[in-house]
N, C-alpha and C. Protein backbone atom coordinates (compact mmCIF):
# COMPACT_ATOMS: atom_id res chain seq x y z
N MET A 1 29.45 13.98 22.41
CA MET A 1 29.11 13.18 21.22
C MET A 1 30.30 12.28 20.87
N ASN A 2 30.00 10.98 20.64
CA ASN A 2 31.06 10.05 20.29
C ASN A 2 31.61 10.34 18.90
N LYS A 3 32.91 10.24 18.80
CA LYS A 3 33.57 10.36 17.50
C LYS A 3 33.05 9.28 16.56
N ARG A 4 32.77 9.64 15.31
CA ARG A 4 32.32 8.62 14.35
C ARG A 4 33.49 7.71 13.97
N LEU A 5 33.19 6.42 13.87
CA LEU A 5 34.21 5.41 13.60
C LEU A 5 33.75 4.54 12.44
N PHE A 6 34.59 4.46 11.41
CA PHE A 6 34.27 3.67 10.22
C PHE A 6 35.43 2.74 9.88
N ALA A 7 35.10 1.65 9.19
CA ALA A 7 36.13 0.78 8.60
C ALA A 7 35.72 0.49 7.16
N ILE A 8 36.71 0.38 6.29
CA ILE A 8 36.47 0.05 4.88
C ILE A 8 37.25 -1.21 4.52
N GLY A 9 36.58 -2.12 3.81
CA GLY A 9 37.19 -3.39 3.42
C GLY A 9 38.12 -3.27 2.22
N ASP A 10 38.50 -4.41 1.67
CA ASP A 10 39.48 -4.51 0.59
C ASP A 10 39.11 -3.61 -0.58
N ILE A 11 40.09 -2.84 -1.07
CA ILE A 11 39.85 -1.83 -2.10
C ILE A 11 40.37 -2.28 -3.47
N HIS A 12 41.53 -2.90 -3.50
CA HIS A 12 42.09 -3.49 -4.73
C HIS A 12 42.05 -2.56 -5.94
N GLY A 13 42.54 -1.36 -5.77
CA GLY A 13 42.67 -0.46 -6.91
C GLY A 13 41.38 0.17 -7.39
N CYS A 14 40.29 -0.01 -6.66
CA CYS A 14 38.99 0.57 -7.05
C CYS A 14 38.88 2.00 -6.51
N PHE A 15 39.67 2.87 -7.09
CA PHE A 15 39.77 4.24 -6.58
C PHE A 15 38.46 5.00 -6.67
N ASP A 16 37.75 4.89 -7.78
CA ASP A 16 36.52 5.66 -7.95
C ASP A 16 35.49 5.30 -6.89
N LEU A 17 35.38 4.01 -6.58
CA LEU A 17 34.46 3.58 -5.53
C LEU A 17 34.91 4.09 -4.17
N LEU A 18 36.22 4.05 -3.91
CA LEU A 18 36.74 4.53 -2.64
C LEU A 18 36.43 6.01 -2.44
N LYS A 19 36.68 6.80 -3.46
CA LYS A 19 36.43 8.24 -3.38
C LYS A 19 34.94 8.53 -3.15
N GLU A 20 34.09 7.79 -3.86
CA GLU A 20 32.65 7.99 -3.70
C GLU A 20 32.20 7.59 -2.29
N LEU A 21 32.72 6.48 -1.80
CA LEU A 21 32.34 6.00 -0.47
C LEU A 21 32.76 6.97 0.62
N VAL A 22 34.01 7.44 0.54
CA VAL A 22 34.54 8.34 1.57
C VAL A 22 33.89 9.71 1.51
N GLU A 23 33.78 10.26 0.31
CA GLU A 23 33.33 11.65 0.19
C GLU A 23 31.82 11.81 0.17
N ASN A 24 31.11 10.85 -0.41
CA ASN A 24 29.66 11.01 -0.57
C ASN A 24 28.83 10.18 0.40
N LYS A 25 29.22 8.93 0.62
CA LYS A 25 28.45 8.08 1.52
C LYS A 25 28.79 8.36 2.99
N ILE A 26 30.08 8.25 3.31
CA ILE A 26 30.51 8.51 4.68
C ILE A 26 30.53 10.01 4.97
N GLN A 27 30.92 10.79 3.97
CA GLN A 27 31.13 12.23 4.14
C GLN A 27 32.11 12.48 5.30
N LEU A 28 33.30 11.93 5.12
CA LEU A 28 34.32 11.91 6.17
C LEU A 28 34.67 13.31 6.65
N GLN A 29 34.71 13.46 7.98
CA GLN A 29 35.11 14.71 8.63
C GLN A 29 36.42 14.50 9.38
N LYS A 30 37.09 15.58 9.70
CA LYS A 30 38.39 15.46 10.35
C LYS A 30 38.31 14.96 11.79
N ASP A 31 37.13 15.01 12.40
CA ASP A 31 37.01 14.46 13.75
C ASP A 31 36.45 13.03 13.74
N ASP A 32 36.34 12.42 12.56
CA ASP A 32 36.01 11.00 12.44
C ASP A 32 37.30 10.18 12.50
N LYS A 33 37.15 8.88 12.72
CA LYS A 33 38.28 7.95 12.60
C LYS A 33 37.92 6.91 11.55
N LEU A 34 38.84 6.69 10.61
CA LEU A 34 38.61 5.73 9.53
C LEU A 34 39.72 4.70 9.51
N ILE A 35 39.34 3.43 9.68
CA ILE A 35 40.30 2.33 9.60
C ILE A 35 40.15 1.66 8.24
N LEU A 36 41.26 1.47 7.57
CA LEU A 36 41.29 0.79 6.27
C LEU A 36 41.91 -0.59 6.47
N LEU A 37 41.24 -1.62 5.99
CA LEU A 37 41.59 -3.00 6.35
C LEU A 37 42.60 -3.67 5.43
N GLY A 38 43.29 -2.89 4.60
CA GLY A 38 44.35 -3.46 3.77
C GLY A 38 43.87 -3.87 2.38
N ASP A 39 44.83 -4.37 1.59
CA ASP A 39 44.60 -4.72 0.18
C ASP A 39 44.12 -3.50 -0.61
N TYR A 40 44.98 -2.50 -0.66
CA TYR A 40 44.68 -1.28 -1.41
C TYR A 40 45.04 -1.45 -2.88
N ILE A 41 45.89 -2.42 -3.16
CA ILE A 41 46.53 -2.55 -4.47
C ILE A 41 46.14 -3.87 -5.15
N ASP A 42 46.61 -4.03 -6.41
CA ASP A 42 46.50 -5.27 -7.18
C ASP A 42 45.07 -5.51 -7.70
N ARG A 43 45.00 -6.16 -8.83
CA ARG A 43 43.76 -6.59 -9.49
C ARG A 43 43.02 -5.43 -10.15
N GLY A 44 42.64 -4.41 -9.42
CA GLY A 44 42.01 -3.24 -10.03
C GLY A 44 43.04 -2.37 -10.73
N ASP A 45 42.57 -1.35 -11.47
CA ASP A 45 43.49 -0.61 -12.35
C ASP A 45 43.96 0.73 -11.79
N LYS A 46 43.60 1.06 -10.54
CA LYS A 46 44.00 2.37 -10.01
C LYS A 46 44.63 2.25 -8.62
N SER A 47 45.59 1.33 -8.49
CA SER A 47 46.26 1.13 -7.21
C SER A 47 46.99 2.38 -6.74
N LYS A 48 47.70 3.03 -7.65
CA LYS A 48 48.46 4.23 -7.28
C LYS A 48 47.52 5.32 -6.78
N GLU A 49 46.39 5.51 -7.47
CA GLU A 49 45.44 6.53 -7.06
C GLU A 49 44.89 6.24 -5.67
N VAL A 50 44.65 4.97 -5.38
CA VAL A 50 44.16 4.58 -4.05
C VAL A 50 45.17 4.95 -2.98
N VAL A 51 46.42 4.54 -3.18
CA VAL A 51 47.45 4.81 -2.17
C VAL A 51 47.68 6.31 -2.03
N ASP A 52 47.71 7.03 -3.15
CA ASP A 52 47.88 8.49 -3.08
C ASP A 52 46.74 9.14 -2.30
N PHE A 53 45.53 8.65 -2.49
CA PHE A 53 44.36 9.20 -1.79
C PHE A 53 44.47 8.98 -0.29
N ILE A 54 44.91 7.79 0.11
CA ILE A 54 45.08 7.49 1.54
C ILE A 54 46.14 8.39 2.15
N ILE A 55 47.27 8.51 1.46
CA ILE A 55 48.36 9.37 1.95
C ILE A 55 47.89 10.82 2.04
N GLU A 56 47.16 11.27 1.02
CA GLU A 56 46.68 12.65 0.99
C GLU A 56 45.71 12.94 2.14
N LEU A 57 44.81 12.01 2.42
CA LEU A 57 43.88 12.19 3.54
C LEU A 57 44.64 12.37 4.84
N SER A 58 45.63 11.51 5.07
CA SER A 58 46.43 11.61 6.30
C SER A 58 47.18 12.93 6.37
N GLU A 59 47.78 13.33 5.25
CA GLU A 59 48.54 14.58 5.23
C GLU A 59 47.64 15.80 5.43
N ASN A 60 46.37 15.66 5.08
CA ASN A 60 45.43 16.78 5.22
C ASN A 60 44.72 16.79 6.57
N GLY A 61 45.18 15.95 7.50
CA GLY A 61 44.68 16.02 8.87
C GLY A 61 43.54 15.10 9.21
N TYR A 62 43.19 14.18 8.31
CA TYR A 62 42.15 13.20 8.63
C TYR A 62 42.75 12.07 9.46
N ASP A 63 41.93 11.50 10.35
CA ASP A 63 42.39 10.44 11.24
C ASP A 63 42.22 9.09 10.54
N ILE A 64 43.26 8.69 9.82
CA ILE A 64 43.22 7.48 9.00
C ILE A 64 44.16 6.44 9.61
N ILE A 65 43.66 5.23 9.79
CA ILE A 65 44.48 4.11 10.29
C ILE A 65 44.52 3.05 9.20
N PRO A 66 45.54 3.06 8.34
CA PRO A 66 45.63 2.03 7.30
C PRO A 66 46.34 0.78 7.81
N LEU A 67 45.74 -0.38 7.59
CA LEU A 67 46.32 -1.64 8.03
C LEU A 67 46.98 -2.37 6.87
N MET A 68 47.84 -3.30 7.22
CA MET A 68 48.52 -4.14 6.24
C MET A 68 47.57 -5.23 5.73
N GLY A 69 47.55 -5.42 4.42
CA GLY A 69 46.85 -6.55 3.82
C GLY A 69 47.85 -7.53 3.24
N ASN A 70 47.39 -8.71 2.87
CA ASN A 70 48.32 -9.69 2.32
C ASN A 70 48.89 -9.24 0.98
N HIS A 71 48.17 -8.40 0.24
CA HIS A 71 48.71 -7.92 -1.04
C HIS A 71 49.83 -6.91 -0.83
N GLU A 72 49.73 -6.06 0.17
CA GLU A 72 50.84 -5.17 0.49
C GLU A 72 52.05 -5.98 0.96
N ALA A 73 51.79 -7.02 1.75
CA ALA A 73 52.88 -7.88 2.22
C ALA A 73 53.55 -8.60 1.06
N MET A 74 52.76 -9.06 0.08
CA MET A 74 53.34 -9.72 -1.09
C MET A 74 54.18 -8.75 -1.91
N LEU A 75 53.71 -7.51 -2.04
CA LEU A 75 54.50 -6.50 -2.75
C LEU A 75 55.84 -6.28 -2.05
N LEU A 76 55.81 -6.15 -0.73
CA LEU A 76 57.06 -5.96 0.02
C LEU A 76 58.00 -7.14 -0.17
N ASP A 77 57.45 -8.36 -0.10
CA ASP A 77 58.28 -9.55 -0.31
C ASP A 77 58.92 -9.51 -1.70
N ALA A 78 58.13 -9.14 -2.71
CA ALA A 78 58.64 -9.08 -4.08
C ALA A 78 59.68 -7.99 -4.24
N PHE A 79 59.49 -6.88 -3.54
CA PHE A 79 60.44 -5.77 -3.60
C PHE A 79 61.79 -6.18 -2.99
N GLU A 80 61.73 -6.99 -1.94
CA GLU A 80 62.94 -7.34 -1.20
C GLU A 80 63.59 -8.63 -1.68
N ASN A 81 62.86 -9.45 -2.44
CA ASN A 81 63.41 -10.75 -2.84
C ASN A 81 62.83 -11.16 -4.20
N GLU A 82 63.68 -11.27 -5.19
CA GLU A 82 63.22 -11.56 -6.56
C GLU A 82 62.44 -12.87 -6.67
N LYS A 83 62.74 -13.83 -5.81
CA LYS A 83 62.05 -15.13 -5.91
C LYS A 83 60.56 -15.01 -5.59
N ASP A 84 60.16 -13.90 -4.95
CA ASP A 84 58.76 -13.72 -4.58
C ASP A 84 57.97 -12.91 -5.61
N ILE A 85 58.64 -12.46 -6.67
CA ILE A 85 57.96 -11.61 -7.65
C ILE A 85 56.83 -12.36 -8.36
N SER A 86 57.09 -13.61 -8.76
CA SER A 86 56.08 -14.34 -9.54
C SER A 86 54.80 -14.54 -8.75
N LYS A 87 54.91 -14.79 -7.45
CA LYS A 87 53.72 -14.97 -6.61
C LYS A 87 52.89 -13.70 -6.60
N TRP A 88 53.56 -12.57 -6.47
CA TRP A 88 52.85 -11.28 -6.45
C TRP A 88 52.19 -11.01 -7.81
N ILE A 89 52.93 -11.26 -8.89
CA ILE A 89 52.40 -11.03 -10.23
C ILE A 89 51.16 -11.90 -10.47
N GLN A 90 51.22 -13.15 -10.03
CA GLN A 90 50.08 -14.07 -10.20
C GLN A 90 48.85 -13.61 -9.43
N ASN A 91 49.03 -12.76 -8.45
CA ASN A 91 47.93 -12.28 -7.62
C ASN A 91 47.54 -10.84 -7.92
N GLY A 92 47.80 -10.40 -9.15
CA GLY A 92 47.33 -9.09 -9.57
C GLY A 92 48.37 -7.99 -9.58
N GLY A 93 49.64 -8.35 -9.39
CA GLY A 93 50.69 -7.35 -9.33
C GLY A 93 50.90 -6.57 -10.62
N ASN A 94 50.63 -7.20 -11.75
CA ASN A 94 50.82 -6.49 -13.03
C ASN A 94 49.98 -5.23 -13.12
N GLU A 95 48.75 -5.30 -12.61
CA GLU A 95 47.88 -4.13 -12.63
C GLU A 95 48.47 -3.00 -11.79
N THR A 96 49.14 -3.36 -10.71
CA THR A 96 49.78 -2.35 -9.87
C THR A 96 50.96 -1.71 -10.58
N LEU A 97 51.77 -2.52 -11.25
CA LEU A 97 52.89 -1.97 -12.03
C LEU A 97 52.38 -0.99 -13.08
N LYS A 98 51.31 -1.37 -13.77
CA LYS A 98 50.74 -0.48 -14.79
C LYS A 98 50.23 0.82 -14.18
N SER A 99 49.59 0.71 -13.02
CA SER A 99 49.05 1.89 -12.36
C SER A 99 50.15 2.87 -11.98
N PHE A 100 51.29 2.33 -11.53
CA PHE A 100 52.43 3.18 -11.15
C PHE A 100 53.29 3.55 -12.36
N GLU A 101 52.92 3.02 -13.53
CA GLU A 101 53.64 3.28 -14.77
C GLU A 101 55.12 2.92 -14.66
N ILE A 102 55.37 1.72 -14.13
CA ILE A 102 56.73 1.21 -14.00
C ILE A 102 56.77 -0.23 -14.53
N ASP A 103 57.96 -0.66 -14.90
CA ASP A 103 58.14 -2.03 -15.40
C ASP A 103 58.62 -2.97 -14.30
N SER A 104 59.22 -2.39 -13.26
CA SER A 104 59.79 -3.19 -12.19
C SER A 104 59.53 -2.50 -10.85
N LEU A 105 59.35 -3.30 -9.81
CA LEU A 105 59.16 -2.72 -8.47
C LEU A 105 60.35 -1.90 -8.02
N LYS A 106 61.52 -2.20 -8.58
CA LYS A 106 62.72 -1.44 -8.20
C LYS A 106 62.59 0.03 -8.61
N ASP A 107 61.65 0.32 -9.50
CA ASP A 107 61.47 1.69 -9.98
C ASP A 107 60.41 2.47 -9.19
N ILE A 108 59.79 1.84 -8.22
CA ILE A 108 58.74 2.51 -7.47
C ILE A 108 59.34 3.56 -6.54
N GLU A 109 58.65 4.67 -6.37
CA GLU A 109 59.15 5.72 -5.48
C GLU A 109 59.26 5.18 -4.06
N SER A 110 60.31 5.59 -3.36
CA SER A 110 60.57 5.07 -2.01
C SER A 110 59.45 5.40 -1.04
N LYS A 111 58.73 6.49 -1.27
CA LYS A 111 57.68 6.88 -0.31
C LYS A 111 56.57 5.82 -0.25
N TYR A 112 56.37 5.10 -1.34
CA TYR A 112 55.33 4.07 -1.34
C TYR A 112 55.77 2.83 -0.56
N ILE A 113 57.04 2.50 -0.68
CA ILE A 113 57.58 1.38 0.12
C ILE A 113 57.54 1.74 1.60
N GLU A 114 57.91 2.97 1.92
CA GLU A 114 57.87 3.41 3.32
C GLU A 114 56.45 3.40 3.85
N PHE A 115 55.49 3.81 3.03
CA PHE A 115 54.09 3.77 3.44
C PHE A 115 53.68 2.34 3.81
N ILE A 116 54.03 1.39 2.94
CA ILE A 116 53.64 0.00 3.19
C ILE A 116 54.36 -0.55 4.42
N LYS A 117 55.63 -0.24 4.55
CA LYS A 117 56.38 -0.73 5.72
C LYS A 117 55.82 -0.18 7.03
N GLY A 118 55.16 0.96 6.96
CA GLY A 118 54.62 1.58 8.17
C GLY A 118 53.22 1.12 8.54
N LEU A 119 52.62 0.24 7.75
CA LEU A 119 51.25 -0.20 8.03
C LEU A 119 51.19 -1.09 9.27
N ARG A 120 50.16 -0.91 10.07
CA ARG A 120 49.94 -1.76 11.24
C ARG A 120 49.27 -3.07 10.80
N TYR A 121 49.41 -4.08 11.65
CA TYR A 121 48.80 -5.37 11.35
C TYR A 121 47.39 -5.49 11.93
N TYR A 122 47.11 -4.76 12.98
CA TYR A 122 45.75 -4.74 13.54
C TYR A 122 45.59 -3.44 14.30
N TYR A 123 44.36 -3.14 14.66
CA TYR A 123 44.09 -1.93 15.42
C TYR A 123 42.98 -2.22 16.41
N ALA A 124 43.23 -1.91 17.67
CA ALA A 124 42.23 -2.08 18.73
C ALA A 124 41.68 -0.72 19.12
N PHE A 125 40.36 -0.62 19.19
CA PHE A 125 39.73 0.64 19.59
C PHE A 125 38.41 0.33 20.28
N LYS A 126 38.34 0.69 21.55
CA LYS A 126 37.15 0.44 22.37
C LYS A 126 36.80 -1.05 22.32
N ASP A 127 35.60 -1.39 21.89
CA ASP A 127 35.18 -2.79 21.88
C ASP A 127 35.46 -3.49 20.56
N TYR A 128 36.28 -2.87 19.72
CA TYR A 128 36.52 -3.39 18.38
C TYR A 128 37.97 -3.81 18.18
N LEU A 129 38.14 -4.83 17.34
CA LEU A 129 39.44 -5.18 16.78
C LEU A 129 39.30 -5.13 15.26
N PHE A 130 40.22 -4.45 14.62
CA PHE A 130 40.22 -4.35 13.16
C PHE A 130 41.46 -5.06 12.64
N VAL A 131 41.28 -5.88 11.60
CA VAL A 131 42.39 -6.67 11.07
C VAL A 131 42.06 -7.01 9.62
N HIS A 132 43.10 -7.30 8.83
CA HIS A 132 42.81 -7.63 7.43
C HIS A 132 42.06 -8.96 7.32
N ALA A 133 42.58 -10.00 7.94
CA ALA A 133 41.96 -11.33 7.80
C ALA A 133 41.41 -11.83 9.14
N GLY A 134 42.30 -12.20 10.07
CA GLY A 134 41.83 -12.73 11.34
C GLY A 134 42.98 -12.94 12.30
N PHE A 135 42.73 -13.73 13.34
CA PHE A 135 43.72 -13.96 14.38
C PHE A 135 43.88 -15.45 14.64
N ASN A 136 45.03 -15.81 15.20
CA ASN A 136 45.28 -17.18 15.63
C ASN A 136 44.61 -17.37 16.99
N ASP A 137 43.58 -18.19 17.00
CA ASP A 137 42.78 -18.40 18.22
C ASP A 137 43.41 -19.40 19.17
N ASN A 138 44.52 -20.02 18.76
CA ASN A 138 45.08 -21.14 19.52
C ASN A 138 46.34 -20.80 20.29
N VAL A 139 46.67 -19.52 20.39
CA VAL A 139 47.86 -19.11 21.13
C VAL A 139 47.45 -18.13 22.22
N LEU A 140 48.28 -18.01 23.25
CA LEU A 140 47.95 -17.12 24.36
C LEU A 140 47.87 -15.67 23.91
N ASN A 141 48.84 -15.28 23.06
CA ASN A 141 48.85 -13.90 22.57
C ASN A 141 48.63 -13.89 21.06
N PRO A 142 47.39 -13.69 20.63
CA PRO A 142 47.10 -13.73 19.19
C PRO A 142 47.62 -12.53 18.42
N PHE A 143 48.12 -11.53 19.14
CA PHE A 143 48.55 -10.30 18.48
C PHE A 143 50.01 -10.33 18.03
N THR A 144 50.60 -11.52 18.08
CA THR A 144 51.99 -11.67 17.61
C THR A 144 52.08 -12.54 16.35
N ASP A 145 50.98 -13.14 15.94
CA ASP A 145 50.97 -14.00 14.75
C ASP A 145 50.54 -13.17 13.55
N TYR A 146 51.53 -12.56 12.88
CA TYR A 146 51.23 -11.65 11.78
C TYR A 146 50.72 -12.40 10.55
N TYR A 147 51.16 -13.62 10.37
CA TYR A 147 50.69 -14.41 9.23
C TYR A 147 49.17 -14.59 9.29
N SER A 148 48.67 -14.96 10.45
CA SER A 148 47.22 -15.15 10.59
C SER A 148 46.46 -13.86 10.34
N MET A 149 47.03 -12.74 10.76
CA MET A 149 46.36 -11.46 10.57
C MET A 149 46.18 -11.13 9.09
N LEU A 150 47.08 -11.64 8.26
CA LEU A 150 47.03 -11.36 6.82
C LEU A 150 46.27 -12.41 6.02
N TRP A 151 46.20 -13.64 6.53
CA TRP A 151 45.76 -14.75 5.67
C TRP A 151 44.63 -15.61 6.24
N LYS A 152 44.39 -15.61 7.54
CA LYS A 152 43.50 -16.60 8.16
C LYS A 152 42.23 -15.95 8.72
N CYS A 153 41.11 -16.22 8.08
CA CYS A 153 39.81 -15.73 8.56
C CYS A 153 39.13 -16.80 9.41
N LYS A 154 38.42 -16.37 10.44
CA LYS A 154 37.58 -17.25 11.26
C LYS A 154 36.25 -16.55 11.53
N GLU A 155 35.21 -17.34 11.74
CA GLU A 155 33.90 -16.75 12.03
C GLU A 155 33.60 -16.69 13.51
N THR A 156 34.33 -17.48 14.32
CA THR A 156 34.14 -17.45 15.77
C THR A 156 35.51 -17.58 16.45
N TYR A 157 35.59 -17.05 17.66
CA TYR A 157 36.82 -17.12 18.45
C TYR A 157 36.48 -17.54 19.87
N THR A 158 37.43 -18.23 20.51
CA THR A 158 37.25 -18.65 21.90
C THR A 158 38.22 -17.97 22.85
N ASN A 159 39.35 -17.51 22.34
CA ASN A 159 40.31 -16.79 23.18
C ASN A 159 39.63 -15.54 23.74
N PRO A 160 39.60 -15.36 25.07
CA PRO A 160 38.90 -14.20 25.65
C PRO A 160 39.45 -12.85 25.19
N LEU A 161 40.69 -12.82 24.73
CA LEU A 161 41.22 -11.57 24.18
C LEU A 161 40.53 -11.20 22.88
N LEU A 162 39.89 -12.20 22.25
CA LEU A 162 39.23 -12.00 20.96
C LEU A 162 37.72 -12.12 21.05
N SER A 163 37.24 -13.09 21.81
CA SER A 163 35.81 -13.42 21.81
C SER A 163 34.95 -12.34 22.43
N GLU A 164 35.55 -11.48 23.24
CA GLU A 164 34.77 -10.42 23.89
C GLU A 164 34.79 -9.12 23.08
N LYS A 165 35.39 -9.16 21.91
CA LYS A 165 35.46 -7.99 21.03
C LYS A 165 34.61 -8.24 19.77
N THR A 166 34.26 -7.16 19.11
CA THR A 166 33.70 -7.27 17.76
C THR A 166 34.85 -7.11 16.78
N ILE A 167 35.04 -8.10 15.93
CA ILE A 167 36.17 -8.12 15.00
C ILE A 167 35.67 -7.77 13.60
N ILE A 168 36.23 -6.72 13.03
CA ILE A 168 35.88 -6.28 11.69
C ILE A 168 37.05 -6.61 10.77
N HIS A 169 36.79 -7.36 9.70
CA HIS A 169 37.88 -7.83 8.85
C HIS A 169 37.43 -7.89 7.40
N GLY A 170 38.37 -8.26 6.53
CA GLY A 170 38.11 -8.45 5.11
C GLY A 170 38.76 -9.73 4.64
N HIS A 171 39.49 -9.65 3.52
CA HIS A 171 40.35 -10.70 2.95
C HIS A 171 39.61 -11.68 2.04
N ASN A 172 38.58 -12.35 2.53
CA ASN A 172 37.82 -13.30 1.70
C ASN A 172 36.50 -12.66 1.29
N PRO A 173 36.29 -12.42 -0.01
CA PRO A 173 35.07 -11.72 -0.43
C PRO A 173 33.80 -12.48 -0.08
N VAL A 174 32.81 -11.72 0.39
CA VAL A 174 31.47 -12.26 0.64
C VAL A 174 30.45 -11.39 -0.10
N ARG A 175 29.30 -11.95 -0.38
CA ARG A 175 28.24 -11.16 -1.01
C ARG A 175 27.74 -10.08 -0.04
N VAL A 176 27.29 -8.98 -0.61
CA VAL A 176 26.78 -7.88 0.21
C VAL A 176 25.67 -8.37 1.13
N ALA A 177 24.80 -9.22 0.63
CA ALA A 177 23.67 -9.72 1.43
C ALA A 177 24.15 -10.49 2.65
N ILE A 178 25.22 -11.27 2.50
CA ILE A 178 25.78 -12.03 3.62
C ILE A 178 26.36 -11.07 4.65
N CYS A 179 27.06 -10.06 4.19
CA CYS A 179 27.62 -9.04 5.08
C CYS A 179 26.50 -8.37 5.87
N GLU A 180 25.44 -7.98 5.18
CA GLU A 180 24.31 -7.32 5.85
C GLU A 180 23.66 -8.23 6.88
N GLU A 181 23.51 -9.51 6.55
CA GLU A 181 22.90 -10.46 7.48
C GLU A 181 23.69 -10.56 8.77
N ARG A 182 25.01 -10.62 8.66
CA ARG A 182 25.84 -10.75 9.86
C ARG A 182 25.78 -9.48 10.71
N VAL A 183 25.69 -8.34 10.05
CA VAL A 183 25.57 -7.08 10.80
C VAL A 183 24.24 -7.03 11.53
N LEU A 184 23.15 -7.35 10.83
CA LEU A 184 21.82 -7.30 11.44
C LEU A 184 21.68 -8.31 12.59
N ALA A 185 22.36 -9.45 12.46
CA ALA A 185 22.32 -10.47 13.50
C ALA A 185 23.28 -10.18 14.65
N LYS A 186 23.99 -9.06 14.54
CA LYS A 186 24.95 -8.62 15.56
C LYS A 186 26.01 -9.67 15.85
N HIS A 187 26.54 -10.28 14.80
CA HIS A 187 27.66 -11.20 14.95
C HIS A 187 28.87 -10.45 15.50
N ARG A 188 29.73 -11.18 16.21
CA ARG A 188 30.93 -10.57 16.77
C ARG A 188 32.08 -10.55 15.77
N VAL A 189 31.93 -11.24 14.65
CA VAL A 189 32.94 -11.25 13.59
C VAL A 189 32.24 -10.87 12.28
N ILE A 190 32.65 -9.75 11.70
CA ILE A 190 31.97 -9.22 10.52
C ILE A 190 32.97 -9.00 9.39
N ASN A 191 32.73 -9.66 8.27
CA ASN A 191 33.57 -9.54 7.09
C ASN A 191 32.97 -8.49 6.17
N ILE A 192 33.73 -7.42 5.90
CA ILE A 192 33.20 -6.35 5.04
C ILE A 192 33.93 -6.27 3.69
N ASP A 193 34.60 -7.35 3.30
CA ASP A 193 35.14 -7.42 1.94
C ASP A 193 34.04 -7.94 1.03
N THR A 194 33.43 -7.05 0.27
CA THR A 194 32.34 -7.45 -0.63
C THR A 194 32.79 -7.46 -2.09
N GLY A 195 34.08 -7.71 -2.29
CA GLY A 195 34.62 -8.01 -3.62
C GLY A 195 34.41 -6.91 -4.64
N CYS A 196 34.81 -5.68 -4.28
CA CYS A 196 34.53 -4.55 -5.17
C CYS A 196 35.15 -4.73 -6.56
N VAL A 197 36.24 -5.47 -6.64
CA VAL A 197 36.91 -5.63 -7.93
C VAL A 197 36.22 -6.68 -8.82
N TYR A 198 35.28 -7.43 -8.23
CA TYR A 198 34.57 -8.48 -8.98
C TYR A 198 33.18 -7.99 -9.38
N GLU A 199 33.15 -6.93 -10.16
CA GLU A 199 31.87 -6.29 -10.49
C GLU A 199 31.00 -7.14 -11.40
N ASP A 200 31.58 -8.14 -12.06
CA ASP A 200 30.80 -9.00 -12.95
C ASP A 200 30.22 -10.22 -12.23
N SER A 201 30.51 -10.36 -10.94
CA SER A 201 30.01 -11.51 -10.18
C SER A 201 28.79 -11.09 -9.36
N GLU A 202 27.71 -11.82 -9.51
CA GLU A 202 26.45 -11.46 -8.86
C GLU A 202 26.61 -11.42 -7.34
N GLY A 203 26.16 -10.33 -6.73
CA GLY A 203 26.21 -10.19 -5.29
C GLY A 203 27.47 -9.55 -4.77
N TYR A 204 28.47 -9.40 -5.65
CA TYR A 204 29.74 -8.78 -5.26
C TYR A 204 29.87 -7.42 -5.96
N GLY A 205 31.07 -6.95 -6.15
CA GLY A 205 31.29 -5.73 -6.91
C GLY A 205 30.99 -4.45 -6.15
N ARG A 206 30.94 -4.52 -4.83
CA ARG A 206 30.69 -3.33 -4.01
C ARG A 206 31.86 -3.07 -3.08
N LEU A 207 32.08 -1.79 -2.79
CA LEU A 207 33.04 -1.42 -1.75
C LEU A 207 32.23 -1.04 -0.52
N THR A 208 32.55 -1.66 0.60
CA THR A 208 31.71 -1.56 1.80
C THR A 208 32.46 -0.94 2.97
N ALA A 209 31.74 -0.11 3.70
CA ALA A 209 32.22 0.46 4.96
C ALA A 209 31.31 0.00 6.08
N TYR A 210 31.88 -0.16 7.27
CA TYR A 210 31.09 -0.45 8.46
C TYR A 210 31.07 0.78 9.34
N ASP A 211 29.88 1.22 9.68
CA ASP A 211 29.67 2.36 10.57
C ASP A 211 29.53 1.81 11.99
N CYS A 212 30.60 1.95 12.78
CA CYS A 212 30.61 1.33 14.11
C CYS A 212 29.61 1.98 15.06
N ASN A 213 29.40 3.26 14.93
CA ASN A 213 28.48 3.96 15.83
C ASN A 213 27.04 3.52 15.63
N ARG A 214 26.66 3.35 14.37
CA ARG A 214 25.27 3.00 14.06
C ARG A 214 25.10 1.53 13.71
N GLN A 215 26.19 0.78 13.75
CA GLN A 215 26.19 -0.66 13.50
C GLN A 215 25.42 -1.00 12.22
N ARG A 216 25.91 -0.44 11.13
CA ARG A 216 25.30 -0.65 9.82
C ARG A 216 26.41 -0.61 8.78
N ILE A 217 26.10 -1.10 7.57
CA ILE A 217 27.06 -0.98 6.49
C ILE A 217 26.60 0.05 5.48
N LEU A 218 27.59 0.66 4.85
CA LEU A 218 27.37 1.58 3.74
C LEU A 218 28.16 1.02 2.56
N PHE A 219 27.60 1.06 1.36
CA PHE A 219 28.35 0.53 0.23
C PHE A 219 28.03 1.29 -1.04
N VAL A 220 28.97 1.22 -1.98
CA VAL A 220 28.79 1.84 -3.29
C VAL A 220 29.13 0.81 -4.36
C-alpha cells in the first residue's frame, strides 16, 4: 500500500483551521507524509500556535516536511537586519509579534529562528514538486533560484526538469472553486492557497490540502 501523501497551502496563523484539517479531515497518521508549503505566520492571530503545532507533530514522530514561505523569509530578514523590519510589519508581522507576546523580534525564542532557518525551499517526491510559489523556468537548474521559489508563481513550465512533474504550490490566493477546477482538469501546476485568512472574501477563507494519492482537495 502506498504511503499517503498530502500538502497543505498557506496557513497564515489560522491555527484552528490547521488543527481541524490535520486531525479531522486528513486524520494524519504516522506513516503518512505531510508537506507544508510555507507562510505559517503573519496576518492571522495564531502564528505561534501554528508553528508550535508543526514542531510538535515532528517531535511526536509524524513525517512532516515544512517548506520556507516568503513570510518566513521576511521574518528572518527582519530579525537579521533592522532595515527590513518595516517591510515585514507591513505584511502582517504585527500579528505575529502579538501571537508570540513580544514587542520585538529580538525577544523571540531562538528555537523559532532555528526552525525557520532549517526550512527547505522545495521538496521533490516521486512525480511531484512542492514549493511555496514557483520556479524560474528560464535557467538550466531551477532549483538554485530561491527568490523564485518564494515569490514567483507560474501556471505552465517548459523546462523538462519541471514540465514533467506535477507542481503543488501556494503563495497567491485563489478561490476554492478555481483550485478544484485545476485538480479535476489534472493540471500539472496546482495552487492550493485558498486564502484561509481572508474569510470575509467570497470564495476564499478556506485552508486546503491536496491528497496526492487520490488527486483531490480537502478543505475546512
